């Protein structure tokens, strides 16, 4: 019974939230690996580590969300998809950098504190980001003459 319900959820309306969640797991693992490498192994400061983590973690997030979750094919539209996606990523970067900075002021500058602050900030915007991606960014926009198109 439960496996049937899960299968129906995964193929019906629940498919995108499930795939979005899986992409988020991949992006978190990527970003946290970079964060721990920069902060813990390379000894970078918390802000530089966080900026690098977000920049690198956003790449697989965009690609997997666009192609796998929303099934978009063809050209990437710079102004309608790429720029807004990176804008949301850097909004998360601002929030996470602020959180990381505050956390390391209140507690010791430990890698696990930097990681927890980063995860907390992105967790706050995770649900809202799904709705923006679903209803705005990866919705079929149609072609526009003023759009810069990036080949797939």
Foldseek 3Di string as FASTA:
>chain_A
DVVVVVVCLCPPPNVLVVQLVVLVVVLLVQLLVQLCCVCPVVVDALLVSLVVSLVRSLVSSLVCNQCPRLNDDWWDWCVQAVVVSVVVSVVLSVQLSVQLVVQCVVDPRDSVSSSVSSVVSCVVCSVVVSCCCVPGRNDDPDDDPPIDIHTD
